[in-house]
Amino acid sequence: MEIQFSGEKFILDAGKALFHVDSKSLIIADVHLGKSTHFRKNGIAIPSNIAESDLSRLADLIKKHAPNQVIIAGDFFHASANSEIEIFKTWKANYLDLKFILVKGNHDRLKASVYEELGIELVHQNLEFENFIITHHPQEKPNKPSICGHIHPGVYLKLNARQKIRLASFLLQKNQIILPAFSEFTGLDTSLQSTGRNFVIADNSILEI
């Protein structure tokens, strides 16, 4: 689905990604590589193939949009070094000519040398474009049009008296787009769904509600 934001053309992709047409930038947020490993180390039964599945979906998006760069709006990795870094390293070897930029999130705590070794350009606060910025944390009143992540936005729907459902969404506010969490292994925050336009991801489609 195509939208206009801050005078720019974007495509909302049901693969939980945003594509900026002019710069050919594929923008995602909250991948949290390593989160499942962290849970398993603490005795919580989590499937072991979540990282591979998420990276496979990212590969599909790269093939679909042929971007010049992939921009992660924070929380690409989940806290400390873990085995999923090696999974990413192997995966990224297929994209040596593609630029990866990470806008640092609160969970991105690896040493700068690790990001450099992985071929990821690290931005510590805001990635500046002409008409908007990409950052990690949403702001109550953004000074400049912003694209961010962090809260894993979703909507809560009552289908009938007995059925309820929660779905991931893009939340488009007056001066801000909050991206859905890219990883399948994340929760949803529905507390802000009444603060803007919700573009829900359902059955591989985008639907505004």
C-alpha atoms as a PDB file:
ATOM      1  CA  MET A   1       0.000   0.000   0.000  1.00  0.00           C
ATOM      2  CA  GLU A   2       1.346   3.417  -0.998  1.00  0.00           C
ATOM      3  CA  ILE A   3       1.143   6.380   1.373  1.00  0.00           C
ATOM      4  CA  GLN A   4       2.413   9.954   1.472  1.00  0.00           C
ATOM      5  CA  PHE A   5       4.313  11.116   4.541  1.00  0.00           C
ATOM      6  CA  SER A   6       6.118  14.449   4.871  1.00  0.00           C
ATOM      7  CA  GLY A   7       5.809  14.975   1.141  1.00  0.00           C
ATOM      8  CA  GLU A   8       7.513  11.668   0.397  1.00  0.00           C
ATOM      9  CA  LYS A   9       6.238   8.441  -1.145  1.00  0.00           C
ATOM     10  CA  PHE A  10       6.406   5.251   0.939  1.00  0.00           C
ATOM     11  CA  ILE A  11       5.164   1.711   0.488  1.00  0.00           C
ATOM     12  CA  LEU A  12       3.761  -0.162   3.466  1.00  0.00           C
ATOM     13  CA  ASP A  13       4.707  -3.810   3.035  1.00  0.00           C
ATOM     14  CA  ALA A  14       2.812  -6.616   4.749  1.00  0.00           C
ATOM     15  CA  GLY A  15       6.217  -8.146   5.450  1.00  0.00           C
ATOM     16  CA  LYS A  16       6.452  -5.577   8.286  1.00  0.00           C
ATOM     17  CA  ALA A  17       8.658  -3.189   6.348  1.00  0.00           C
ATOM     18  CA  LEU A  18       8.478   0.339   4.973  1.00  0.00           C
ATOM     19  CA  PHE A  19      10.002   1.217   1.606  1.00  0.00           C
ATOM     20  CA  HIS A  20      11.067   4.795   0.841  1.00  0.00           C
ATOM     21  CA  VAL A  21      10.718   5.092  -2.893  1.00  0.00           C
ATOM     22  CA  ASP A  22      13.082   7.983  -3.697  1.00  0.00           C
ATOM     23  CA  SER A  23      16.098   6.669  -1.776  1.00  0.00           C
ATOM     24  CA  LYS A  24      15.203   2.993  -2.324  1.00  0.00           C
ATOM     25  CA  SER A  25      15.559   2.382   1.409  1.00  0.00           C
ATOM     26  CA  LEU A  26      14.024  -0.684   3.034  1.00  0.00           C
ATOM     27  CA  ILE A  27      13.205   0.285   6.621  1.00  0.00           C
ATOM     28  CA  ILE A  28      12.427  -2.153   9.440  1.00  0.00           C
ATOM     29  CA  ALA A  29      12.541  -2.073  13.244  1.00  0.00           C
ATOM     30  CA  ASP A  30      12.829  -4.379  16.237  1.00  0.00           C
ATOM     31  CA  VAL A  31      14.304  -7.561  14.798  1.00  0.00           C
ATOM     32  CA  HIS A  32      15.692  -8.594  18.200  1.00  0.00           C
ATOM     33  CA  LEU A  33      18.156 -11.188  16.933  1.00  0.00           C
ATOM     34  CA  GLY A  34      19.258 -13.218  19.943  1.00  0.00           C
ATOM     35  CA  LYS A  35      16.080 -12.805  21.965  1.00  0.00           C
ATOM     36  CA  SER A  36      15.015 -16.412  21.496  1.00  0.00           C
ATOM     37  CA  THR A  37      18.501 -17.606  22.488  1.00  0.00           C
ATOM     38  CA  HIS A  38      18.295 -15.468  25.621  1.00  0.00           C
ATOM     39  CA  PHE A  39      14.964 -17.052  26.571  1.00  0.00           C
ATOM     40  CA  ARG A  40      16.223 -20.594  25.954  1.00  0.00           C
ATOM     41  CA  LYS A  41      19.275 -19.961  28.141  1.00  0.00           C
ATOM     42  CA  ASN A  42      16.855 -19.073  30.907  1.00  0.00           C
ATOM     43  CA  GLY A  43      14.951 -22.317  30.568  1.00  0.00           C
ATOM     44  CA  ILE A  44      11.996 -21.048  28.518  1.00  0.00           C
ATOM     45  CA  ALA A  45      11.028 -23.298  25.629  1.00  0.00           C
ATOM     46  CA  ILE A  46      11.303 -21.170  22.481  1.00  0.00           C
ATOM     47  CA  PRO A  47      11.672 -22.497  18.888  1.00  0.00           C
ATOM     48  CA  SER A  48      15.289 -22.469  17.762  1.00  0.00           C
ATOM     49  CA  ASN A  49      14.690 -21.294  14.191  1.00  0.00           C
ATOM     50  CA  ILE A  50      13.201 -17.836  14.805  1.00  0.00           C
ATOM     51  CA  ALA A  51      16.319 -15.972  13.654  1.00  0.00           C
ATOM     52  CA  GLU A  52      16.546 -18.002  10.454  1.00  0.00           C
ATOM     53  CA  SER A  53      12.849 -17.416   9.759  1.00  0.00           C
ATOM     54  CA  ASP A  54      13.103 -13.655  10.319  1.00  0.00           C
ATOM     55  CA  LEU A  55      16.197 -13.384   8.120  1.00  0.00           C
ATOM     56  CA  SER A  56      14.500 -15.439   5.424  1.00  0.00           C
ATOM     57  CA  ARG A  57      11.610 -12.958   5.403  1.00  0.00           C
ATOM     58  CA  LEU A  58      14.106 -10.101   5.175  1.00  0.00           C
ATOM     59  CA  ALA A  59      15.748 -11.823   2.210  1.00  0.00           C
ATOM     60  CA  ASP A  60      12.341 -12.008   0.509  1.00  0.00           C
ATOM     61  CA  LEU A  61      11.846  -8.270   1.043  1.00  0.00           C
ATOM     62  CA  ILE A  62      15.285  -7.481  -0.366  1.00  0.00           C
ATOM     63  CA  LYS A  63      14.506  -9.555  -3.442  1.00  0.00           C
ATOM     64  CA  LYS A  64      11.106  -7.874  -3.833  1.00  0.00           C
ATOM     65  CA  HIS A  65      12.184  -4.244  -3.457  1.00  0.00           C
ATOM     66  CA  ALA A  66      15.847  -4.357  -4.604  1.00  0.00           C
ATOM     67  CA  PRO A  67      16.831  -1.608  -2.107  1.00  0.00           C
ATOM     68  CA  ASN A  68      19.996   0.452  -2.134  1.00  0.00           C
ATOM     69  CA  GLN A  69      20.155   0.102   1.636  1.00  0.00           C
ATOM     70  CA  VAL A  70      18.498  -1.613   4.578  1.00  0.00           C
ATOM     71  CA  ILE A  71      17.849   0.642   7.570  1.00  0.00           C
ATOM     72  CA  ILE A  72      16.976  -0.801  10.971  1.00  0.00           C
ATOM     73  CA  ALA A  73      15.220   1.670  13.277  1.00  0.00           C
ATOM     74  CA  GLY A  74      16.668   0.177  16.435  1.00  0.00           C
ATOM     75  CA  ASP A  75      16.830  -3.095  18.364  1.00  0.00           C
ATOM     76  CA  PHE A  76      18.399  -5.234  15.666  1.00  0.00           C
ATOM     77  CA  PHE A  77      20.204  -7.341  18.232  1.00  0.00           C
ATOM     78  CA  HIS A  78      18.894  -8.276  21.648  1.00  0.00           C
ATOM     79  CA  ALA A  79      21.454  -7.303  24.318  1.00  0.00           C
ATOM     80  CA  SER A  80      24.664  -9.333  24.601  1.00  0.00           C
ATOM     81  CA  ALA A  81      26.601 -11.351  22.039  1.00  0.00           C
ATOM     82  CA  ASN A  82      25.049 -14.714  21.208  1.00  0.00           C
ATOM     83  CA  SER A  83      24.965 -17.460  18.597  1.00  0.00           C
ATOM     84  CA  GLU A  84      22.443 -15.622  16.419  1.00  0.00           C
ATOM     85  CA  ILE A  85      25.112 -13.072  15.546  1.00  0.00           C
ATOM     86  CA  GLU A  86      26.930 -15.860  13.705  1.00  0.00           C
ATOM     87  CA  ILE A  87      23.678 -16.801  11.961  1.00  0.00           C
ATOM     88  CA  PHE A  88      23.343 -13.203  10.777  1.00  0.00           C
ATOM     89  CA  LYS A  89      27.000 -13.065   9.725  1.00  0.00           C
ATOM     90  CA  THR A  90      26.548 -16.126   7.511  1.00  0.00           C
ATOM     91  CA  TRP A  91      23.301 -14.756   6.092  1.00  0.00           C
ATOM     92  CA  LYS A  92      24.759 -11.328   5.340  1.00  0.00           C
ATOM     93  CA  ALA A  93      27.553 -12.855   3.268  1.00  0.00           C
ATOM     94  CA  ASN A  94      24.928 -13.034   0.523  1.00  0.00           C
ATOM     95  CA  TYR A  95      24.609  -9.227   0.539  1.00  0.00           C
ATOM     96  CA  LEU A  96      28.148  -7.884   0.590  1.00  0.00           C
ATOM     97  CA  ASP A  97      27.258  -5.017  -1.776  1.00  0.00           C
ATOM     98  CA  LEU A  98      24.136  -3.945   0.135  1.00  0.00           C
ATOM     99  CA  LYS A  99      24.446  -1.203   2.739  1.00  0.00           C
ATOM    100  CA  PHE A 100      23.070  -1.906   6.221  1.00  0.00           C
ATOM    101  CA  ILE A 101      22.484   0.962   8.652  1.00  0.00           C
ATOM    102  CA  LEU A 102      21.422   0.519  12.269  1.00  0.00           C
ATOM    103  CA  VAL A 103      19.959   3.408  14.242  1.00  0.00           C
ATOM    104  CA  LYS A 104      20.911   2.305  17.716  1.00  0.00           C
ATOM    105  CA  GLY A 105      18.088   1.154  19.982  1.00  0.00           C
ATOM    106  CA  ASN A 106      17.987   0.441  23.697  1.00  0.00           C
ATOM    107  CA  HIS A 107      18.742  -3.260  23.142  1.00  0.00           C
ATOM    108  CA  ASP A 108      21.679  -2.668  20.772  1.00  0.00           C
ATOM    109  CA  ARG A 109      24.502  -3.042  23.288  1.00  0.00           C
ATOM    110  CA  LEU A 110      27.239  -4.771  21.344  1.00  0.00           C
ATOM    111  CA  LYS A 111      30.677  -3.216  21.043  1.00  0.00           C
ATOM    112  CA  ALA A 112      31.132  -0.871  18.092  1.00  0.00           C
ATOM    113  CA  SER A 113      33.794  -3.213  16.733  1.00  0.00           C
ATOM    114  CA  VAL A 114      31.223  -6.013  16.417  1.00  0.00           C
ATOM    115  CA  TYR A 115      28.923  -3.884  14.231  1.00  0.00           C
ATOM    116  CA  GLU A 116      31.914  -2.883  12.123  1.00  0.00           C
ATOM    117  CA  GLU A 117      32.949  -6.503  11.694  1.00  0.00           C
ATOM    118  CA  LEU A 118      29.411  -7.382  10.622  1.00  0.00           C
ATOM    119  CA  GLY A 119      29.411  -4.609   8.019  1.00  0.00           C
ATOM    120  CA  ILE A 120      26.730  -2.538   9.735  1.00  0.00           C
ATOM    121  CA  GLU A 121      26.978   1.244   9.858  1.00  0.00           C
ATOM    122  CA  LEU A 122      25.962   2.411  13.331  1.00  0.00           C
ATOM    123  CA  VAL A 123      24.039   5.662  13.902  1.00  0.00           C
ATOM    124  CA  HIS A 124      23.725   6.589  17.559  1.00  0.00           C
ATOM    125  CA  GLN A 125      20.619   8.774  17.549  1.00  0.00           C
ATOM    126  CA  ASN A 126      18.921  10.010  14.370  1.00  0.00           C
ATOM    127  CA  LEU A 127      19.456   9.185  10.715  1.00  0.00           C
ATOM    128  CA  GLU A 128      18.709  12.396   8.842  1.00  0.00           C
ATOM    129  CA  PHE A 129      16.925  12.594   5.506  1.00  0.00           C
ATOM    130  CA  GLU A 130      15.880  15.838   3.831  1.00  0.00           C
ATOM    131  CA  ASN A 131      12.252  15.743   4.979  1.00  0.00           C
ATOM    132  CA  PHE A 132      12.253  13.240   7.838  1.00  0.00           C
ATOM    133  CA  ILE A 133      14.416  11.375  10.317  1.00  0.00           C
ATOM    134  CA  ILE A 134      14.676   7.739  11.308  1.00  0.00           C
ATOM    135  CA  THR A 135      15.103   7.118  15.020  1.00  0.00           C
ATOM    136  CA  HIS A 136      14.225   4.384  17.522  1.00  0.00           C
ATOM    137  CA  HIS A 137      12.009   5.865  20.227  1.00  0.00           C
ATOM    138  CA  PRO A 138       8.664   7.483  19.406  1.00  0.00           C
ATOM    139  CA  GLN A 139       8.162  11.036  20.614  1.00  0.00           C
ATOM    140  CA  GLU A 140       4.987  12.594  21.940  1.00  0.00           C
ATOM    141  CA  LYS A 141       5.476  15.686  19.800  1.00  0.00           C
ATOM    142  CA  PRO A 142       8.201  15.133  17.167  1.00  0.00           C
ATOM    143  CA  ASN A 143      10.019  18.285  16.096  1.00  0.00           C
ATOM    144  CA  LYS A 144      10.595  16.790  12.659  1.00  0.00           C
ATOM    145  CA  PRO A 145       8.650  14.082  10.808  1.00  0.00           C
ATOM    146  CA  SER A 146       9.941  10.805  12.221  1.00  0.00           C
ATOM    147  CA  ILE A 147       9.981   7.100  11.467  1.00  0.00           C
ATOM    148  CA  CYS A 148      10.599   4.924  14.510  1.00  0.00           C
ATOM    149  CA  GLY A 149       9.896   1.625  16.223  1.00  0.00           C
ATOM    150  CA  HIS A 150      10.324   0.442  19.806  1.00  0.00           C
ATOM    151  CA  ILE A 151       6.722  -0.035  20.952  1.00  0.00           C
ATOM    152  CA  HIS A 152       5.651  -2.857  18.568  1.00  0.00           C
ATOM    153  CA  PRO A 153       2.307  -1.248  17.658  1.00  0.00           C
ATOM    154  CA  GLY A 154      -0.819  -3.300  17.154  1.00  0.00           C
ATOM    155  CA  VAL A 155      -4.589  -3.116  17.208  1.00  0.00           C
ATOM    156  CA  TYR A 156      -7.113  -4.933  19.340  1.00  0.00           C
ATOM    157  CA  LEU A 157     -10.268  -5.946  17.515  1.00  0.00           C
ATOM    158  CA  LYS A 158     -13.510  -7.497  18.708  1.00  0.00           C
ATOM    159  CA  LEU A 159     -14.839  -9.687  15.934  1.00  0.00           C
ATOM    160  CA  ASN A 160     -18.016 -10.652  17.769  1.00  0.00           C
ATOM    161  CA  ALA A 161     -19.192 -11.248  21.320  1.00  0.00           C
ATOM    162  CA  ARG A 162     -16.764 -14.094  21.890  1.00  0.00           C
ATOM    163  CA  GLN A 163     -13.896 -13.514  19.474  1.00  0.00           C
ATOM    164  CA  LYS A 164     -11.085 -11.025  19.896  1.00  0.00           C
ATOM    165  CA  ILE A 165      -7.876 -10.613  17.957  1.00  0.00           C
ATOM    166  CA  ARG A 166      -4.684  -8.551  18.103  1.00  0.00           C
ATOM    167  CA  LEU A 167      -2.805  -7.706  14.923  1.00  0.00           C
ATOM    168  CA  ALA A 168       0.472  -5.920  14.211  1.00  0.00           C
ATOM    169  CA  SER A 169       0.135  -2.556  12.509  1.00  0.00           C
ATOM    170  CA  PHE A 170       1.833   0.536  11.166  1.00  0.00           C
ATOM    171  CA  LEU A 171       0.695   3.506  13.254  1.00  0.00           C
ATOM    172  CA  LEU A 172       0.622   6.760  11.281  1.00  0.00           C
ATOM    173  CA  GLN A 173       0.354   9.781  13.555  1.00  0.00           C
ATOM    174  CA  LYS A 174       0.389  13.459  12.614  1.00  0.00           C
ATOM    175  CA  ASN A 175       4.159  13.733  12.372  1.00  0.00           C
ATOM    176  CA  GLN A 176       5.345  10.188  12.953  1.00  0.00           C
ATOM    177  CA  ILE A 177       5.222   6.637  11.604  1.00  0.00           C
ATOM    178  CA  ILE A 178       5.701   3.901  14.196  1.00  0.00           C
ATOM    179  CA  LEU A 179       6.759   0.661  12.547  1.00  0.00           C
ATOM    180  CA  PRO A 180       5.577  -2.803  13.540  1.00  0.00           C
ATOM    181  CA  ALA A 181       8.158  -5.071  15.134  1.00  0.00           C
ATOM    182  CA  PHE A 182       9.799  -7.086  12.364  1.00  0.00           C
ATOM    183  CA  SER A 183      10.440 -10.222  14.392  1.00  0.00           C
ATOM    184  CA  GLU A 184       7.668 -12.748  14.833  1.00  0.00           C
ATOM    185  CA  PHE A 185       8.847 -13.249  18.428  1.00  0.00           C
ATOM    186  CA  THR A 186       7.600 -10.007  19.973  1.00  0.00           C
ATOM    187  CA  GLY A 187       4.545  -8.778  21.806  1.00  0.00           C
ATOM    188  CA  LEU A 188       2.125  -6.079  20.668  1.00  0.00           C
ATOM    189  CA  ASP A 189       1.295  -2.746  22.289  1.00  0.00           C
ATOM    190  CA  THR A 190      -2.254  -1.633  21.513  1.00  0.00           C
ATOM    191  CA  SER A 191      -2.296   1.322  23.909  1.00  0.00           C
ATOM    192  CA  LEU A 192      -1.724   3.930  21.180  1.00  0.00           C
ATOM    193  CA  GLN A 193      -4.061   2.603  18.514  1.00  0.00           C
ATOM    194  CA  SER A 194      -6.489   5.506  18.990  1.00  0.00           C
ATOM    195  CA  THR A 195      -3.762   8.132  18.434  1.00  0.00           C
ATOM    196  CA  GLY A 196      -3.532   7.861  14.657  1.00  0.00           C
ATOM    197  CA  ARG A 197      -4.300   5.874  11.522  1.00  0.00           C
ATOM    198  CA  ASN A 198      -3.760   2.140  11.868  1.00  0.00           C
ATOM    199  CA  PHE A 199      -2.623   0.088   8.886  1.00  0.00           C
ATOM    200  CA  VAL A 200      -3.125  -3.484  10.001  1.00  0.00           C
ATOM    201  CA  ILE A 201      -1.224  -6.489   8.689  1.00  0.00           C
ATOM    202  CA  ALA A 202      -3.607  -9.389   8.055  1.00  0.00           C
ATOM    203  CA  ASP A 203      -3.279 -12.362   5.716  1.00  0.00           C
ATOM    204  CA  ASN A 204      -0.292 -10.824   3.949  1.00  0.00           C
ATOM    205  CA  SER A 205      -2.277  -7.688   3.199  1.00  0.00           C
ATOM    206  CA  ILE A 206      -2.467  -4.133   4.539  1.00  0.00           C
ATOM    207  CA  LEU A 207      -5.829  -2.819   5.675  1.00  0.00           C
ATOM    208  CA  GLU A 208      -6.520   0.592   7.182  1.00  0.00           C
ATOM    209  CA  ILE A 209      -8.998   0.477  10.032  1.00  0.00           C
END
